[in-house]
Amino acid sequence: MPMYEKGSVRIQYKEAGSGIPLLILPGGGLNATMSFFNTRSPFDAVEEFKNEYRCITMDLRNANGGESSGPLEIERPWDAYADDQLGLMDHLGIDKFLVMGFCIGGPFIWNLLKRAPERIIAAVMVQPSGYRPELPDQFYANNIKDWGPALCARRPDLDMETVHHFLEKMYRANPDFVFTVSRDFVRQCQTPIFVMPDDTAPHPYAVAKEVVDLAPNAEVSIYPWKEPKERVPEAVAQARAFLARQRNRIS
């Protein structure tokens, strides 16, 4: 698969289809890789949309099981990932695009909307991650156990103390809502968004619903949509219709 390189950062990505660009961010937390769509995703977004859009997806920087790599930028973890996402679009010569994100893709999308609102035409957030008060430390705890040790084992330049500081900044410095933006930002965001809520530990329904209630141009799918599985195609069809309505906003 092709690589996008910038300095010490290497991002593995793939493309499928043609037409209006659709950046698809896999789920899986800090271990988000393109294999997510074949193993853990409720639907394969690339397969679903490649006949209508130029689909672009990527391995997250430093995800175990992926091929993307780069430094741990302790003081700006969320922005480092946004650098990779926007940098890949620049590398491909893409200015404006649609975006769909699973799980951690929700906070990533909000950060993209903060960083480059003029480039994001519309966004679909699938089972987005968010802060759950009754499990305040779940993201730090999960990643210090399931991400950090394997990363350090294959990267002798990193150690668990560095991982700790990175996760502290990422998940404990602003432990609220969607991590990357405030409720005031969401209230003022004019970009059309479509939310497909979930209600598992890392994907709180309450946060997804609050986003829909706050964002002025938000739409929401049927809920529940993942179970029974016969409902998944209906929810995907709703996301498809939403994206189709936004296509003419790309000039």
C-alpha atoms as a PDB file:
ATOM      1  CA  MET A   1       0.000   0.000   0.000  1.00  0.00           C
ATOM      2  CA  PRO A   2       1.185   3.570  -0.583  1.00  0.00           C
ATOM      3  CA  MET A   3       2.873   5.674   2.087  1.00  0.00           C
ATOM      4  CA  TYR A   4       2.596   9.372   2.785  1.00  0.00           C
ATOM      5  CA  GLU A   5       5.780  10.661   4.392  1.00  0.00           C
ATOM      6  CA  LYS A   6       6.494  13.962   6.066  1.00  0.00           C
ATOM      7  CA  GLY A   7       9.666  14.254   8.103  1.00  0.00           C
ATOM      8  CA  SER A   8       9.744  11.364  10.557  1.00  0.00           C
ATOM      9  CA  VAL A   9       6.057  10.556  10.025  1.00  0.00           C
ATOM     10  CA  ARG A  10       5.012   7.716   7.723  1.00  0.00           C
ATOM     11  CA  ILE A  11       1.303   7.107   7.088  1.00  0.00           C
ATOM     12  CA  GLN A  12       0.060   4.026   5.236  1.00  0.00           C
ATOM     13  CA  TYR A  13      -3.167   4.648   3.358  1.00  0.00           C
ATOM     14  CA  LYS A  14      -5.299   3.269   0.573  1.00  0.00           C
ATOM     15  CA  GLU A  15      -7.787   4.608  -1.934  1.00  0.00           C
ATOM     16  CA  ALA A  16     -10.787   3.052  -3.621  1.00  0.00           C
ATOM     17  CA  GLY A  17     -13.280   4.500  -6.063  1.00  0.00           C
ATOM     18  CA  SER A  18     -13.368   7.898  -7.706  1.00  0.00           C
ATOM     19  CA  GLY A  19     -15.210  11.178  -7.547  1.00  0.00           C
ATOM     20  CA  ILE A  20     -15.806  13.429  -4.561  1.00  0.00           C
ATOM     21  CA  PRO A  21     -13.272  12.632  -1.804  1.00  0.00           C
ATOM     22  CA  LEU A  22     -14.506  10.858   1.334  1.00  0.00           C
ATOM     23  CA  LEU A  23     -11.935  10.442   4.112  1.00  0.00           C
ATOM     24  CA  ILE A  24     -12.883   7.411   6.227  1.00  0.00           C
ATOM     25  CA  LEU A  25     -11.272   7.166   9.672  1.00  0.00           C
ATOM     26  CA  PRO A  26     -11.281   3.655  11.181  1.00  0.00           C
ATOM     27  CA  GLY A  27     -12.209   2.901  14.765  1.00  0.00           C
ATOM     28  CA  GLY A  28     -10.247   0.976  17.333  1.00  0.00           C
ATOM     29  CA  GLY A  29      -8.891   3.755  19.543  1.00  0.00           C
ATOM     30  CA  LEU A  30      -5.158   4.311  19.286  1.00  0.00           C
ATOM     31  CA  ASN A  31      -4.913   0.921  17.567  1.00  0.00           C
ATOM     32  CA  ALA A  32      -7.124   2.096  14.687  1.00  0.00           C
ATOM     33  CA  THR A  33      -6.018   0.522  11.423  1.00  0.00           C
ATOM     34  CA  MET A  34      -7.591  -0.131   8.051  1.00  0.00           C
ATOM     35  CA  SER A  35      -8.169  -3.760   9.060  1.00  0.00           C
ATOM     36  CA  PHE A  36     -10.930  -2.470  11.357  1.00  0.00           C
ATOM     37  CA  PHE A  37     -13.337  -2.485   8.423  1.00  0.00           C
ATOM     38  CA  ASN A  38     -12.784  -6.205   7.847  1.00  0.00           C
ATOM     39  CA  THR A  39     -12.804  -7.317  11.471  1.00  0.00           C
ATOM     40  CA  ARG A  40     -14.626  -5.098  13.976  1.00  0.00           C
ATOM     41  CA  SER A  41     -16.670  -2.540  12.073  1.00  0.00           C
ATOM     42  CA  PRO A  42     -20.479  -2.826  11.948  1.00  0.00           C
ATOM     43  CA  PHE A  43     -20.108  -2.253   8.180  1.00  0.00           C
ATOM     44  CA  ASP A  44     -17.255  -1.884   5.702  1.00  0.00           C
ATOM     45  CA  ALA A  45     -17.454   1.791   4.844  1.00  0.00           C
ATOM     46  CA  VAL A  46     -14.928   1.617   2.004  1.00  0.00           C
ATOM     47  CA  GLU A  47     -16.846  -1.172   0.270  1.00  0.00           C
ATOM     48  CA  GLU A  48     -20.155   0.590   0.892  1.00  0.00           C
ATOM     49  CA  PHE A  49     -19.137   3.929  -0.594  1.00  0.00           C
ATOM     50  CA  LYS A  50     -16.366   3.271  -3.125  1.00  0.00           C
ATOM     51  CA  ASN A  51     -18.825   3.170  -6.023  1.00  0.00           C
ATOM     52  CA  GLU A  52     -19.936   6.737  -5.281  1.00  0.00           C
ATOM     53  CA  TYR A  53     -16.886   8.467  -3.784  1.00  0.00           C
ATOM     54  CA  ARG A  54     -13.114   8.541  -3.852  1.00  0.00           C
ATOM     55  CA  CYS A  55     -12.656   6.758  -0.536  1.00  0.00           C
ATOM     56  CA  ILE A  56      -9.420   7.336   1.379  1.00  0.00           C
ATOM     57  CA  THR A  57      -8.540   5.566   4.614  1.00  0.00           C
ATOM     58  CA  MET A  58      -5.386   5.154   6.669  1.00  0.00           C
ATOM     59  CA  ASP A  59      -3.654   3.456   9.575  1.00  0.00           C
ATOM     60  CA  LEU A  60      -3.423   5.703  12.624  1.00  0.00           C
ATOM     61  CA  ARG A  61       0.056   6.872  13.540  1.00  0.00           C
ATOM     62  CA  ASN A  62       1.683   4.308  15.861  1.00  0.00           C
ATOM     63  CA  ALA A  63      -1.294   1.931  15.893  1.00  0.00           C
ATOM     64  CA  ASN A  64      -0.235  -1.607  16.777  1.00  0.00           C
ATOM     65  CA  GLY A  65      -0.935  -3.852  13.820  1.00  0.00           C
ATOM     66  CA  GLY A  66      -0.574  -0.990  11.350  1.00  0.00           C
ATOM     67  CA  GLU A  67       2.254   0.432   9.294  1.00  0.00           C
ATOM     68  CA  SER A  68       1.976   4.141  10.159  1.00  0.00           C
ATOM     69  CA  SER A  69       4.565   5.590  12.515  1.00  0.00           C
ATOM     70  CA  GLY A  70       5.845   8.842  13.939  1.00  0.00           C
ATOM     71  CA  PRO A  71       6.827  10.565  17.160  1.00  0.00           C
ATOM     72  CA  LEU A  72       4.594  10.781  20.214  1.00  0.00           C
ATOM     73  CA  GLU A  73       3.924  14.513  20.408  1.00  0.00           C
ATOM     74  CA  ILE A  74       3.158  14.762  24.104  1.00  0.00           C
ATOM     75  CA  GLU A  75       2.025  18.387  24.154  1.00  0.00           C
ATOM     76  CA  ARG A  76      -0.326  18.079  21.168  1.00  0.00           C
ATOM     77  CA  PRO A  77      -1.602  14.521  20.764  1.00  0.00           C
ATOM     78  CA  TRP A  78      -4.914  15.287  19.062  1.00  0.00           C
ATOM     79  CA  ASP A  79      -3.352  17.873  16.773  1.00  0.00           C
ATOM     80  CA  ALA A  80      -0.580  15.480  15.747  1.00  0.00           C
ATOM     81  CA  TYR A  81      -3.214  13.089  14.395  1.00  0.00           C
ATOM     82  CA  ALA A  82      -4.983  15.987  12.664  1.00  0.00           C
ATOM     83  CA  ASP A  83      -1.655  16.891  11.056  1.00  0.00           C
ATOM     84  CA  ASP A  84      -1.533  13.388   9.577  1.00  0.00           C
ATOM     85  CA  GLN A  85      -5.118  13.488   8.314  1.00  0.00           C
ATOM     86  CA  LEU A  86      -4.877  16.939   6.757  1.00  0.00           C
ATOM     87  CA  GLY A  87      -1.357  16.240   5.509  1.00  0.00           C
ATOM     88  CA  LEU A  88      -2.547  13.148   3.673  1.00  0.00           C
ATOM     89  CA  MET A  89      -5.271  15.173   1.982  1.00  0.00           C
ATOM     90  CA  ASP A  90      -2.664  17.764   0.967  1.00  0.00           C
ATOM     91  CA  HIS A  91      -0.412  14.982  -0.339  1.00  0.00           C
ATOM     92  CA  LEU A  92      -3.276  13.711  -2.506  1.00  0.00           C
ATOM     93  CA  GLY A  93      -4.037  17.202  -3.803  1.00  0.00           C
ATOM     94  CA  ILE A  94      -7.421  17.326  -2.075  1.00  0.00           C
ATOM     95  CA  ASP A  95      -8.699  20.604  -0.699  1.00  0.00           C
ATOM     96  CA  LYS A  96     -12.332  20.059   0.307  1.00  0.00           C
ATOM     97  CA  PHE A  97     -13.704  16.676   1.310  1.00  0.00           C
ATOM     98  CA  LEU A  98     -16.342  14.720   3.173  1.00  0.00           C
ATOM     99  CA  VAL A  99     -15.331  12.734   6.242  1.00  0.00           C
ATOM    100  CA  MET A 100     -16.679   9.687   8.048  1.00  0.00           C
ATOM    101  CA  GLY A 101     -15.195   8.543  11.338  1.00  0.00           C
ATOM    102  CA  PHE A 102     -15.798   5.528  13.571  1.00  0.00           C
ATOM    103  CA  CYS A 103     -15.299   5.540  17.358  1.00  0.00           C
ATOM    104  CA  ILE A 104     -12.202   7.703  17.959  1.00  0.00           C
ATOM    105  CA  GLY A 105     -13.031   9.194  14.563  1.00  0.00           C
ATOM    106  CA  GLY A 106     -15.682  11.269  16.327  1.00  0.00           C
ATOM    107  CA  PRO A 107     -13.191  13.328  18.377  1.00  0.00           C
ATOM    108  CA  PHE A 108     -10.876  13.381  15.366  1.00  0.00           C
ATOM    109  CA  ILE A 109     -13.626  14.891  13.204  1.00  0.00           C
ATOM    110  CA  TRP A 110     -14.384  17.587  15.750  1.00  0.00           C
ATOM    111  CA  ASN A 111     -10.706  18.492  15.817  1.00  0.00           C
ATOM    112  CA  LEU A 112     -10.639  18.662  12.015  1.00  0.00           C
ATOM    113  CA  LEU A 113     -13.671  20.940  12.111  1.00  0.00           C
ATOM    114  CA  LYS A 114     -11.790  23.168  14.541  1.00  0.00           C
ATOM    115  CA  ARG A 115      -8.548  23.095  12.567  1.00  0.00           C
ATOM    116  CA  ALA A 116      -9.873  23.331   8.986  1.00  0.00           C
ATOM    117  CA  PRO A 117     -13.602  24.128   8.935  1.00  0.00           C
ATOM    118  CA  GLU A 118     -13.416  25.461   5.391  1.00  0.00           C
ATOM    119  CA  ARG A 119     -12.188  22.087   4.106  1.00  0.00           C
ATOM    120  CA  ILE A 120     -14.731  19.769   5.729  1.00  0.00           C
ATOM    121  CA  ILE A 121     -17.938  19.830   3.702  1.00  0.00           C
ATOM    122  CA  ALA A 122     -19.902  17.443   5.912  1.00  0.00           C
ATOM    123  CA  ALA A 123     -19.188  14.720   8.451  1.00  0.00           C
ATOM    124  CA  VAL A 124     -20.618  11.361   9.500  1.00  0.00           C
ATOM    125  CA  MET A 125     -19.825  10.164  13.022  1.00  0.00           C
ATOM    126  CA  VAL A 126     -20.364   6.434  13.507  1.00  0.00           C
ATOM    127  CA  GLN A 127     -20.573   5.134  17.111  1.00  0.00           C
ATOM    128  CA  PRO A 128     -18.518   8.165  18.235  1.00  0.00           C
ATOM    129  CA  SER A 129     -16.355   8.068  21.347  1.00  0.00           C
ATOM    130  CA  GLY A 130     -17.026  10.419  24.217  1.00  0.00           C
ATOM    131  CA  TYR A 131     -16.485  11.028  27.911  1.00  0.00           C
ATOM    132  CA  ARG A 132     -18.543   8.868  30.257  1.00  0.00           C
ATOM    133  CA  PRO A 133     -18.561  10.294  33.834  1.00  0.00           C
ATOM    134  CA  GLU A 134     -19.149   6.904  35.434  1.00  0.00           C
ATOM    135  CA  LEU A 135     -16.009   5.576  33.666  1.00  0.00           C
ATOM    136  CA  PRO A 136     -13.805   8.683  33.806  1.00  0.00           C
ATOM    137  CA  ASP A 137     -10.479   6.955  33.180  1.00  0.00           C
ATOM    138  CA  GLN A 138     -11.423   4.229  30.725  1.00  0.00           C
ATOM    139  CA  PHE A 139      -9.494   5.579  27.734  1.00  0.00           C
ATOM    140  CA  TYR A 140      -6.285   6.143  29.682  1.00  0.00           C
ATOM    141  CA  ALA A 141      -6.569   2.740  31.365  1.00  0.00           C
ATOM    142  CA  ASN A 142      -7.354   0.844  28.165  1.00  0.00           C
ATOM    143  CA  ASN A 143      -4.511   2.414  26.217  1.00  0.00           C
ATOM    144  CA  ILE A 144      -1.895   2.142  28.962  1.00  0.00           C
ATOM    145  CA  LYS A 145      -2.643  -1.602  28.916  1.00  0.00           C
ATOM    146  CA  ASP A 146      -3.567  -2.435  25.313  1.00  0.00           C
ATOM    147  CA  TRP A 147      -1.616   0.126  23.281  1.00  0.00           C
ATOM    148  CA  GLY A 148       1.440   1.349  25.152  1.00  0.00           C
ATOM    149  CA  PRO A 149       3.291  -1.888  25.991  1.00  0.00           C
ATOM    150  CA  ALA A 150       3.124  -3.309  22.458  1.00  0.00           C
ATOM    151  CA  LEU A 151       4.180   0.045  21.002  1.00  0.00           C
ATOM    152  CA  CYS A 152       7.204   0.256  23.301  1.00  0.00           C
ATOM    153  CA  ALA A 153       8.140  -3.351  22.529  1.00  0.00           C
ATOM    154  CA  ARG A 154       8.577  -2.531  18.841  1.00  0.00           C
ATOM    155  CA  ARG A 155       9.852   1.032  19.305  1.00  0.00           C
ATOM    156  CA  PRO A 156      13.043   1.129  21.428  1.00  0.00           C
ATOM    157  CA  ASP A 157      12.987   4.925  21.228  1.00  0.00           C
ATOM    158  CA  LEU A 158       9.832   4.978  23.378  1.00  0.00           C
ATOM    159  CA  ASP A 159       9.136   3.965  26.968  1.00  0.00           C
ATOM    160  CA  MET A 160       6.074   3.676  29.161  1.00  0.00           C
ATOM    161  CA  GLU A 161       6.801   6.945  30.931  1.00  0.00           C
ATOM    162  CA  THR A 162       6.514   8.743  27.585  1.00  0.00           C
ATOM    163  CA  VAL A 163       3.321   6.822  26.821  1.00  0.00           C
ATOM    164  CA  HIS A 164       1.942   7.832  30.216  1.00  0.00           C
ATOM    165  CA  HIS A 165       2.562  11.534  29.581  1.00  0.00           C
ATOM    166  CA  PHE A 166       1.071  11.276  26.085  1.00  0.00           C
ATOM    167  CA  LEU A 167      -2.114   9.635  27.379  1.00  0.00           C
ATOM    168  CA  GLU A 168      -2.308  12.075  30.288  1.00  0.00           C
ATOM    169  CA  LYS A 169      -2.394  14.961  27.849  1.00  0.00           C
ATOM    170  CA  MET A 170      -4.767  13.225  25.452  1.00  0.00           C
ATOM    171  CA  TYR A 171      -7.386  11.893  27.842  1.00  0.00           C
ATOM    172  CA  ARG A 172      -6.910  13.518  31.249  1.00  0.00           C
ATOM    173  CA  ALA A 173      -6.122  17.145  30.421  1.00  0.00           C
ATOM    174  CA  ASN A 174      -9.650  17.871  29.175  1.00  0.00           C
ATOM    175  CA  PRO A 175     -11.773  14.906  30.307  1.00  0.00           C
ATOM    176  CA  ASP A 176     -15.157  16.028  29.107  1.00  0.00           C
ATOM    177  CA  PHE A 177     -17.694  15.682  26.310  1.00  0.00           C
ATOM    178  CA  VAL A 178     -15.907  14.794  23.015  1.00  0.00           C
ATOM    179  CA  PHE A 179     -12.359  15.611  24.272  1.00  0.00           C
ATOM    180  CA  THR A 180     -11.309  17.859  21.380  1.00  0.00           C
ATOM    181  CA  VAL A 181     -13.877  20.697  21.357  1.00  0.00           C
ATOM    182  CA  SER A 182     -16.271  22.383  23.775  1.00  0.00           C
ATOM    183  CA  ARG A 183     -20.041  22.439  23.766  1.00  0.00           C
ATOM    184  CA  ASP A 184     -19.890  26.080  22.688  1.00  0.00           C
ATOM    185  CA  PHE A 185     -17.894  25.045  19.619  1.00  0.00           C
ATOM    186  CA  VAL A 186     -20.511  22.438  18.713  1.00  0.00           C
ATOM    187  CA  ARG A 187     -23.322  25.000  19.164  1.00  0.00           C
ATOM    188  CA  GLN A 188     -21.620  27.328  16.706  1.00  0.00           C
ATOM    189  CA  CYS A 189     -20.550  24.711  14.159  1.00  0.00           C
ATOM    190  CA  GLN A 190     -22.400  25.218  10.876  1.00  0.00           C
ATOM    191  CA  THR A 191     -21.010  22.126   9.128  1.00  0.00           C
ATOM    192  CA  PRO A 192     -23.688  19.482   8.455  1.00  0.00           C
ATOM    193  CA  ILE A 193     -23.104  16.376  10.556  1.00  0.00           C
ATOM    194  CA  PHE A 194     -24.812  12.997  10.707  1.00  0.00           C
ATOM    195  CA  VAL A 195     -24.547  10.944  13.891  1.00  0.00           C
ATOM    196  CA  MET A 196     -25.021   7.183  14.181  1.00  0.00           C
ATOM    197  CA  PRO A 197     -25.137   6.676  17.984  1.00  0.00           C
ATOM    198  CA  ASP A 198     -24.070   3.654  19.956  1.00  0.00           C
ATOM    199  CA  ASP A 199     -24.261   2.959  23.677  1.00  0.00           C
ATOM    200  CA  THR A 200     -21.250   0.977  24.813  1.00  0.00           C
ATOM    201  CA  ALA A 201     -18.649   1.978  27.383  1.00  0.00           C
ATOM    202  CA  PRO A 202     -16.466   4.030  24.996  1.00  0.00           C
ATOM    203  CA  HIS A 203     -19.383   5.192  22.816  1.00  0.00           C
ATOM    204  CA  PRO A 204     -21.883   6.851  25.168  1.00  0.00           C
ATOM    205  CA  TYR A 205     -25.334   7.470  23.757  1.00  0.00           C
ATOM    206  CA  ALA A 206     -25.736  10.536  25.996  1.00  0.00           C
ATOM    207  CA  VAL A 207     -22.813  12.317  24.348  1.00  0.00           C
ATOM    208  CA  ALA A 208     -23.986  11.446  20.834  1.00  0.00           C
ATOM    209  CA  LYS A 209     -27.465  12.724  21.640  1.00  0.00           C
ATOM    210  CA  GLU A 210     -26.074  15.926  23.163  1.00  0.00           C
ATOM    211  CA  VAL A 211     -24.062  16.561  19.993  1.00  0.00           C
ATOM    212  CA  VAL A 212     -27.216  16.162  17.897  1.00  0.00           C
ATOM    213  CA  ASP A 213     -29.148  18.481  20.202  1.00  0.00           C
ATOM    214  CA  LEU A 214     -26.441  21.167  20.189  1.00  0.00           C
ATOM    215  CA  ALA A 215     -25.182  21.231  16.595  1.00  0.00           C
ATOM    216  CA  PRO A 216     -27.400  23.458  14.433  1.00  0.00           C
ATOM    217  CA  ASN A 217     -27.083  21.299  11.301  1.00  0.00           C
ATOM    218  CA  ALA A 218     -27.092  17.834  12.854  1.00  0.00           C
ATOM    219  CA  GLU A 219     -29.070  14.801  11.779  1.00  0.00           C
ATOM    220  CA  VAL A 220     -29.298  11.417  13.453  1.00  0.00           C
ATOM    221  CA  SER A 221     -29.814   7.864  12.268  1.00  0.00           C
ATOM    222  CA  ILE A 222     -32.301   5.359  13.530  1.00  0.00           C
ATOM    223  CA  TYR A 223     -31.411   3.992  16.956  1.00  0.00           C
ATOM    224  CA  PRO A 224     -30.578   1.300  17.795  1.00  0.00           C
ATOM    225  CA  TRP A 225     -29.126   0.441  14.406  1.00  0.00           C
ATOM    226  CA  LYS A 226     -26.392  -2.156  15.104  1.00  0.00           C
ATOM    227  CA  GLU A 227     -28.768  -4.751  16.546  1.00  0.00           C
ATOM    228  CA  PRO A 228     -30.561  -6.558  15.147  1.00  0.00           C
ATOM    229  CA  LYS A 229     -28.104  -6.678  12.256  1.00  0.00           C
ATOM    230  CA  GLU A 230     -30.958  -6.339   9.779  1.00  0.00           C
ATOM    231  CA  ARG A 231     -31.114  -2.653  10.766  1.00  0.00           C
ATOM    232  CA  VAL A 232     -27.557  -1.871   9.702  1.00  0.00           C
ATOM    233  CA  PRO A 233     -28.389  -1.462   5.973  1.00  0.00           C
ATOM    234  CA  GLU A 234     -31.171   0.985   6.857  1.00  0.00           C
ATOM    235  CA  ALA A 235     -28.801   3.149   8.888  1.00  0.00           C
ATOM    236  CA  VAL A 236     -26.156   3.004   6.150  1.00  0.00           C
ATOM    237  CA  ALA A 237     -28.793   4.081   3.628  1.00  0.00           C
ATOM    238  CA  GLN A 238     -29.565   7.090   5.822  1.00  0.00           C
ATOM    239  CA  ALA A 239     -25.878   8.029   5.926  1.00  0.00           C
ATOM    240  CA  ARG A 240     -25.688   7.605   2.148  1.00  0.00           C
ATOM    241  CA  ALA A 241     -28.673   9.925   1.653  1.00  0.00           C
ATOM    242  CA  PHE A 242     -27.113  12.501   3.980  1.00  0.00           C
ATOM    243  CA  LEU A 243     -23.828  12.484   2.059  1.00  0.00           C
ATOM    244  CA  ALA A 244     -25.659  12.711  -1.264  1.00  0.00           C
ATOM    245  CA  ARG A 245     -27.372  15.904  -0.100  1.00  0.00           C
ATOM    246  CA  GLN A 246     -23.987  17.465   0.682  1.00  0.00           C
ATOM    247  CA  ARG A 247     -22.251  16.685  -2.608  1.00  0.00           C
ATOM    248  CA  ASN A 248     -23.175  19.958  -4.293  1.00  0.00           C
ATOM    249  CA  ARG A 249     -21.475  21.904  -1.511  1.00  0.00           C
ATOM    250  CA  ILE A 250     -18.069  20.967  -2.962  1.00  0.00           C
ATOM    251  CA  SER A 251     -17.185  23.621  -5.518  1.00  0.00           C
END
